Amino acid sequence: MSETMALNQTKSSEQWNSVQAYTLAVICLLVGIAAGWFIRGSKNSPFDQVAATTPMGMAIGTGSQQMSNGEPTPDQMRLMADRQAKPLLEQLKANSENPELLANIGNVYYDAQQFPTAIEYYQRVLKIQPTNTGVRTDLATAMWYTGNIDNAIEEFNKSLSYEPTKPNTLFNLGIVKWQGKMDVQGALAAWQKLLDANPNYEAKDKVLELMAQAKKHAGVKPGTKAKALPE
């Protein structure tokens, strides 16, 4: 997502002056930063360890592929995920309905930012374990990253129907309601419910910071979408 964004016009004839455009760009910059604060619903995958231990600038695979500016390219991330998932996929051949294996494979691809593939495996888990709120939270977050905002919110709400005070679900739901729908009140309600039910939540400071930022944007109409400003 671009860090410099402006809200879509609510009417085709509406014109923004420079002050309004600047204000909205700042708002969207802040929520863009917030998107990086999503919290996993389930355990991290072994991919985290591989990414963390790969020396900066080291070639991934063979040929001329090299990390650019110390970070792997999307193709390299996919290759890393495929390699990490390979032994898990081999195990899956013997038990294609193993929810733990399916979730671990989904986590590998999620952590490699291969969200469509992660979604596929998470959905397979949920066919077997529909009440697995950790996996459903990760499914919803992966859907958000693919731009499927409405389905993401639907999955978050479904997770909460099984576990109404699950903190990480409420945390991520608040971000999606704020950034995806500009529903500030909905976001604040989710975060307040999180804090009320989980007063010792480990990411409490992040929640309070997000709430403070969101309150500054309470006047923005809910449902307003955002788009990148022309260069």
Protein backbone atom coordinates (compact mmCIF):
# COMPACT_ATOMS: atom_id res chain seq x y z
CA MET A 1 0.00 0.00 0.00
CA SER A 2 1.27 3.47 -0.83
CA GLU A 3 2.17 5.63 2.17
CA THR A 4 0.87 8.73 0.39
CA MET A 5 -2.84 8.26 -0.11
CA ALA A 6 -6.05 10.30 -0.39
CA LEU A 7 -9.64 9.31 0.21
CA ASN A 8 -11.91 8.69 -2.76
CA GLN A 9 -14.29 11.50 -3.52
CA THR A 10 -17.76 10.86 -2.14
CA LYS A 11 -19.21 12.66 -5.15
CA SER A 12 -17.75 12.90 -8.61
CA SER A 13 -18.07 16.68 -8.55
CA GLU A 14 -16.40 17.13 -5.17
CA GLN A 15 -13.09 18.97 -5.26
CA TRP A 16 -10.42 18.93 -2.57
CA ASN A 17 -8.44 22.00 -1.70
CA SER A 18 -4.77 21.73 -0.78
CA VAL A 19 -5.43 21.79 2.97
CA GLN A 20 -7.94 18.93 2.75
CA ALA A 21 -5.65 16.89 0.53
CA TYR A 22 -2.74 17.33 2.92
CA THR A 23 -4.85 16.37 5.95
CA LEU A 24 -6.14 13.23 4.28
CA ALA A 25 -2.67 12.24 3.13
CA VAL A 26 -1.46 12.46 6.73
CA ILE A 27 -4.40 10.36 7.93
CA CYS A 28 -3.69 7.64 5.41
CA LEU A 29 0.02 7.71 6.16
CA LEU A 30 -0.76 7.00 9.80
CA VAL A 31 -3.10 4.12 9.04
CA GLY A 32 -0.56 2.76 6.59
CA ILE A 33 1.92 2.57 9.44
CA ALA A 34 -0.74 0.90 11.58
CA ALA A 35 -1.13 -1.89 9.02
CA GLY A 36 2.36 -3.04 9.90
CA TRP A 37 1.15 -3.72 13.43
CA PHE A 38 -1.05 -6.71 12.65
CA ILE A 39 -0.59 -9.48 15.19
CA ARG A 40 -0.58 -13.15 14.29
CA GLY A 41 -3.49 -15.24 15.48
CA SER A 42 -1.53 -18.50 15.51
CA LYS A 43 2.06 -19.56 16.07
CA ASN A 44 4.80 -18.21 13.87
CA SER A 45 6.24 -20.49 11.24
CA PRO A 46 9.83 -21.78 10.98
CA PHE A 47 10.15 -19.34 8.05
CA ASP A 48 10.82 -16.57 10.57
CA GLN A 49 13.98 -18.32 11.69
CA VAL A 50 15.18 -18.83 8.11
CA ALA A 51 14.59 -15.18 7.20
CA ALA A 52 16.26 -13.99 10.40
CA THR A 53 19.38 -16.09 9.87
CA THR A 54 19.87 -15.37 6.17
CA PRO A 55 22.83 -12.95 5.87
CA MET A 56 21.90 -9.60 4.35
CA GLY A 57 22.79 -9.53 0.67
CA MET A 58 23.22 -13.30 0.43
CA ALA A 59 21.99 -14.95 -2.75
CA ILE A 60 18.83 -16.99 -2.46
CA GLY A 61 18.87 -20.06 -4.67
CA THR A 62 20.99 -20.19 -7.80
CA GLY A 63 21.71 -18.05 -10.79
CA SER A 64 21.80 -14.28 -10.65
CA GLN A 65 19.05 -13.75 -8.07
CA GLN A 66 20.36 -11.50 -5.34
CA MET A 67 18.72 -9.57 -2.56
CA SER A 68 18.09 -5.97 -3.47
CA ASN A 69 19.09 -3.38 -0.85
CA GLY A 70 19.46 -6.16 1.68
CA GLU A 71 15.88 -7.39 1.26
CA PRO A 72 14.66 -10.41 -0.74
CA THR A 73 12.51 -9.83 -3.80
CA PRO A 74 8.99 -11.32 -3.97
CA ASP A 75 10.29 -14.16 -6.15
CA GLN A 76 13.03 -14.89 -3.64
CA MET A 77 10.51 -14.84 -0.80
CA ARG A 78 8.40 -17.34 -2.71
CA LEU A 79 11.43 -19.57 -3.26
CA MET A 80 12.33 -19.43 0.41
CA ALA A 81 8.76 -20.31 1.37
CA ASP A 82 8.61 -23.20 -1.09
CA ARG A 83 11.84 -24.62 0.32
CA GLN A 84 10.66 -24.21 3.89
CA ALA A 85 7.30 -25.81 3.12
CA LYS A 86 8.73 -28.74 1.15
CA PRO A 87 9.22 -31.17 4.07
CA LEU A 88 5.82 -30.23 5.45
CA LEU A 89 4.22 -30.90 2.08
CA GLU A 90 5.93 -34.29 2.00
CA GLN A 91 4.41 -35.11 5.36
CA LEU A 92 1.04 -33.90 4.15
CA LYS A 93 1.01 -36.56 1.43
CA ALA A 94 0.57 -39.20 4.12
CA ASN A 95 -2.17 -37.27 5.89
CA SER A 96 -3.83 -34.64 3.76
CA GLU A 97 -6.33 -33.79 6.50
CA ASN A 98 -3.81 -33.01 9.23
CA PRO A 99 -4.88 -29.56 10.48
CA GLU A 100 -1.59 -28.84 12.26
CA LEU A 101 0.43 -29.53 9.13
CA LEU A 102 -1.95 -27.47 7.01
CA ALA A 103 -1.74 -24.56 9.45
CA ASN A 104 2.06 -24.73 9.57
CA ILE A 105 2.24 -24.64 5.78
CA GLY A 106 -0.15 -21.70 5.75
CA ASN A 107 2.05 -19.94 8.29
CA VAL A 108 5.15 -20.44 6.16
CA TYR A 109 3.50 -18.76 3.19
CA TYR A 110 1.91 -16.06 5.34
CA ASP A 111 5.26 -15.10 6.81
CA ALA A 112 6.75 -15.03 3.30
CA GLN A 113 3.96 -12.65 2.26
CA GLN A 114 2.55 -15.23 -0.14
CA PHE A 115 -0.95 -14.49 1.07
CA PRO A 116 -3.11 -16.23 -1.58
CA THR A 117 -1.29 -19.50 -0.90
CA ALA A 118 -1.59 -18.99 2.85
CA ILE A 119 -5.32 -18.42 2.46
CA GLU A 120 -5.67 -21.71 0.60
CA TYR A 121 -4.11 -23.71 3.44
CA TYR A 122 -5.92 -21.81 6.19
CA GLN A 123 -9.24 -22.52 4.50
CA ARG A 124 -8.38 -26.21 4.41
CA VAL A 125 -7.71 -26.12 8.15
CA LEU A 126 -11.03 -24.44 8.85
CA LYS A 127 -12.96 -27.06 6.91
CA ILE A 128 -11.65 -29.51 9.51
CA GLN A 129 -11.53 -27.19 12.53
CA PRO A 130 -14.04 -24.37 11.99
CA THR A 131 -13.62 -23.13 15.58
CA ASN A 132 -9.84 -22.64 15.28
CA THR A 133 -9.83 -18.91 16.03
CA GLY A 134 -6.07 -18.50 15.65
CA VAL A 135 -6.09 -19.81 12.09
CA ARG A 136 -9.27 -17.89 11.27
CA THR A 137 -7.66 -14.67 12.49
CA ASP A 138 -4.66 -15.28 10.25
CA LEU A 139 -6.98 -16.11 7.35
CA ALA A 140 -8.78 -12.80 7.84
CA THR A 141 -5.52 -10.87 8.02
CA ALA A 142 -4.22 -12.56 4.88
CA MET A 143 -7.47 -11.62 3.15
CA TRP A 144 -6.89 -8.02 4.16
CA TYR A 145 -3.45 -8.06 2.60
CA THR A 146 -4.97 -9.28 -0.67
CA GLY A 147 -7.46 -6.39 -0.61
CA ASN A 148 -10.49 -8.45 0.40
CA ILE A 149 -11.65 -6.16 3.20
CA ASP A 150 -15.27 -7.26 3.58
CA ASN A 151 -14.42 -10.95 3.77
CA ALA A 152 -11.62 -10.17 6.21
CA ILE A 153 -14.08 -8.46 8.56
CA GLU A 154 -16.52 -11.33 8.13
CA GLU A 155 -13.85 -13.84 9.16
CA PHE A 156 -12.77 -11.74 12.14
CA ASN A 157 -16.38 -11.59 13.30
CA LYS A 158 -16.76 -15.34 12.81
CA SER A 159 -13.67 -15.88 14.95
CA LEU A 160 -15.20 -13.68 17.65
CA SER A 161 -18.43 -15.69 17.50
CA TYR A 162 -16.38 -18.63 18.82
CA GLU A 163 -14.10 -16.63 21.13
CA PRO A 164 -15.65 -13.19 21.78
CA THR A 165 -12.70 -11.68 23.62
CA LYS A 166 -9.78 -13.15 21.65
CA PRO A 167 -7.30 -10.27 21.89
CA ASN A 168 -5.40 -10.66 18.62
CA THR A 169 -8.63 -10.96 16.65
CA LEU A 170 -9.95 -7.76 18.22
CA PHE A 171 -6.62 -6.01 17.64
CA ASN A 172 -6.54 -6.83 13.92
CA LEU A 173 -10.26 -6.20 13.46
CA GLY A 174 -9.77 -2.69 14.80
CA ILE A 175 -7.02 -1.97 12.28
CA VAL A 176 -9.09 -3.26 9.35
CA LYS A 177 -12.18 -1.31 10.42
CA TRP A 178 -10.11 1.84 10.72
CA GLN A 179 -7.89 1.52 7.68
CA GLY A 180 -10.18 -0.48 5.42
CA LYS A 181 -13.49 1.20 6.20
CA MET A 182 -12.51 4.39 8.03
CA ASP A 183 -14.93 3.16 10.69
CA VAL A 184 -13.27 4.87 13.62
CA GLN A 185 -16.01 4.11 16.12
CA GLY A 186 -16.03 0.45 15.12
CA ALA A 187 -12.26 0.28 15.52
CA LEU A 188 -12.35 1.99 18.90
CA ALA A 189 -15.09 -0.37 20.07
CA ALA A 190 -13.01 -3.42 19.10
CA TRP A 191 -9.90 -2.11 20.84
CA GLN A 192 -11.80 -1.05 23.96
CA LYS A 193 -13.37 -4.51 24.19
CA LEU A 194 -9.87 -5.97 23.88
CA LEU A 195 -8.56 -3.86 26.77
CA ASP A 196 -11.60 -4.42 28.96
CA ALA A 197 -11.37 -8.20 28.59
CA ASN A 198 -7.57 -8.40 28.59
CA PRO A 199 -6.21 -5.68 30.91
CA ASN A 200 -2.72 -7.20 30.86
CA TYR A 201 -2.54 -7.58 27.08
CA GLU A 202 1.12 -7.60 26.02
CA ALA A 203 0.55 -5.13 23.19
CA LYS A 204 -1.51 -2.75 25.30
CA ASP A 205 0.74 0.22 24.49
CA LYS A 206 0.22 -0.35 20.77
CA VAL A 207 -3.54 -0.48 21.29
CA LEU A 208 -3.57 2.77 23.22
CA GLU A 209 -1.42 4.47 20.57
CA LEU A 210 -3.72 3.30 17.77
CA MET A 211 -6.76 4.48 19.71
CA ALA A 212 -5.22 7.91 20.19
CA GLN A 213 -4.46 8.19 16.47
CA ALA A 214 -7.90 6.94 15.44
CA LYS A 215 -9.70 9.45 17.66
CA LYS A 216 -8.08 12.26 15.68
CA HIS A 217 -9.89 11.01 12.58
CA ALA A 218 -13.33 10.58 14.13
CA GLY A 219 -14.82 13.13 11.71
CA VAL A 220 -14.01 11.11 8.58
CA LYS A 221 -17.08 9.48 7.11
CA PRO A 222 -17.22 5.70 7.72
CA GLY A 223 -16.93 3.62 4.59
CA THR A 224 -14.72 6.13 2.79
CA LYS A 225 -12.07 4.37 0.74
CA ALA A 226 -8.58 5.47 -0.06
CA LYS A 227 -6.50 5.61 -3.21
CA ALA A 228 -3.00 6.64 -4.08
CA LEU A 229 -2.36 10.19 -5.13
CA PRO A 230 -1.13 10.60 -8.69
CA GLU A 231 2.62 11.04 -8.92
